[in-house]
Amino acid sequence: GVDVVSLDFTRGETLDLVEKYGFHASKTLGAGLIDSRNVWKVIPEVTLPIIKKLNSLNIKYRVQPSGSLQYAPWDFDNETELKTHVAADVLSFAKQKL
């Protein structure tokens, strides 16, 4: 059977829908809070309120990427030229997102 249902919380109104309609108590919600569509780090000011809301709803969940990371660059540590770039502090590739 299905134990986990994964939803993307980086786009749309997913949190509002879960709050309005609830989530099945026998399932685990795969809360896609880590944006898999870009190379930017997670912004705590965006994700923490969602986590707090999920906690208040007493839903069994796990934090995960919003989708597959197969098309994201693999590892920022391998990008030696980017480490001195002005955007280096906000970059997060697949390995860093996990």
Protein backbone atom coordinates (compact mmCIF):
# COMPACT_ATOMS: atom_id res chain seq x y z
CA GLY A 1 0.00 0.00 0.00
CA VAL A 2 0.87 3.66 -0.02
CA ASP A 3 2.51 4.89 3.18
CA VAL A 4 3.72 8.36 2.11
CA VAL A 5 2.01 10.98 -0.03
CA SER A 6 4.41 13.69 -1.23
CA LEU A 7 3.25 17.23 -1.93
CA ASP A 8 5.11 20.27 -3.21
CA PHE A 9 4.98 23.13 -0.69
CA THR A 10 7.21 25.47 -2.74
CA ARG A 11 4.49 26.43 -5.23
CA GLY A 12 0.77 26.95 -5.04
CA GLU A 13 -1.53 26.78 -2.05
CA THR A 14 -0.67 23.33 -0.73
CA LEU A 15 -0.54 24.35 2.92
CA ASP A 16 -3.94 26.07 2.68
CA LEU A 17 -5.43 22.93 1.10
CA VAL A 18 -3.97 20.62 3.75
CA GLU A 19 -5.23 22.96 6.45
CA LYS A 20 -8.71 23.12 4.89
CA TYR A 21 -9.18 19.44 4.02
CA GLY A 22 -6.80 17.75 6.45
CA PHE A 23 -4.54 14.79 5.78
CA HIS A 24 -5.20 11.09 6.32
CA ALA A 25 -3.93 10.06 9.76
CA SER A 26 -2.64 6.68 8.56
CA LYS A 27 -0.34 8.27 5.96
CA THR A 28 2.88 10.26 6.23
CA LEU A 29 2.98 13.57 4.40
CA GLY A 30 6.15 14.09 2.35
CA ALA A 31 6.35 17.85 2.78
CA GLY A 32 8.33 19.13 -0.21
CA LEU A 33 9.81 22.23 1.43
CA ILE A 34 13.21 22.10 -0.27
CA ASP A 35 12.83 23.59 -3.74
CA SER A 36 14.21 21.13 -6.28
CA ARG A 37 13.73 23.52 -9.22
CA ASN A 38 16.55 25.90 -8.44
CA VAL A 39 20.05 26.21 -6.98
CA TRP A 40 19.21 28.49 -4.04
CA LYS A 41 19.43 27.60 -0.37
CA VAL A 42 16.32 27.10 1.71
CA ILE A 43 15.04 30.36 3.16
CA PRO A 44 14.19 29.66 6.83
CA GLU A 45 11.79 32.63 6.98
CA VAL A 46 9.68 30.85 4.33
CA THR A 47 9.94 27.23 5.47
CA LEU A 48 9.75 27.57 9.27
CA PRO A 49 6.20 28.99 9.31
CA ILE A 50 5.08 26.04 7.17
CA ILE A 51 6.75 23.59 9.57
CA LYS A 52 5.12 25.33 12.54
CA LYS A 53 1.72 25.12 10.87
CA LEU A 54 2.18 21.42 10.06
CA ASN A 55 3.17 20.82 13.69
CA SER A 56 0.01 22.60 14.87
CA LEU A 57 -2.11 20.38 12.61
CA ASN A 58 -0.68 17.23 14.26
CA ILE A 59 0.15 15.70 10.89
CA LYS A 60 2.78 12.99 10.61
CA TYR A 61 5.21 14.42 8.04
CA ARG A 62 8.79 14.45 6.82
CA VAL A 63 10.66 17.30 5.16
CA GLN A 64 11.98 16.48 1.69
CA PRO A 65 12.75 18.07 -1.69
CA SER A 66 9.73 19.25 -3.67
CA GLY A 67 10.67 16.91 -6.52
CA SER A 68 13.56 14.98 -8.01
CA LEU A 69 17.02 16.53 -7.74
CA GLN A 70 18.28 14.64 -10.81
CA TYR A 71 18.56 17.79 -12.92
CA ALA A 72 20.15 19.98 -10.25
CA PRO A 73 23.93 20.38 -10.31
CA TRP A 74 25.39 17.68 -8.05
CA ASP A 75 27.80 19.23 -5.55
CA PHE A 76 28.70 22.87 -4.94
CA ASP A 77 31.99 21.74 -3.38
CA ASN A 78 33.17 20.66 -6.84
CA GLU A 79 32.60 24.15 -8.27
CA THR A 80 35.88 25.77 -7.27
CA GLU A 81 35.39 28.84 -9.47
CA LEU A 82 31.95 29.55 -8.00
CA LYS A 83 33.16 29.59 -4.40
CA THR A 84 34.41 33.16 -4.81
CA HIS A 85 31.34 34.35 -6.74
CA VAL A 86 29.11 36.96 -5.09
CA ALA A 87 26.22 34.45 -5.01
CA ALA A 88 28.25 31.63 -3.43
CA ASP A 89 26.67 32.07 0.01
CA VAL A 90 23.16 31.42 -1.28
CA LEU A 91 23.85 28.53 -3.69
CA SER A 92 22.77 25.01 -2.83
CA PHE A 93 23.19 22.11 -5.22
CA ALA A 94 21.65 18.63 -4.93
CA LYS A 95 24.10 17.30 -2.32
CA GLN A 96 23.73 20.40 -0.14
CA LYS A 97 19.93 20.29 -0.38
CA LEU A 98 19.93 16.81 1.14
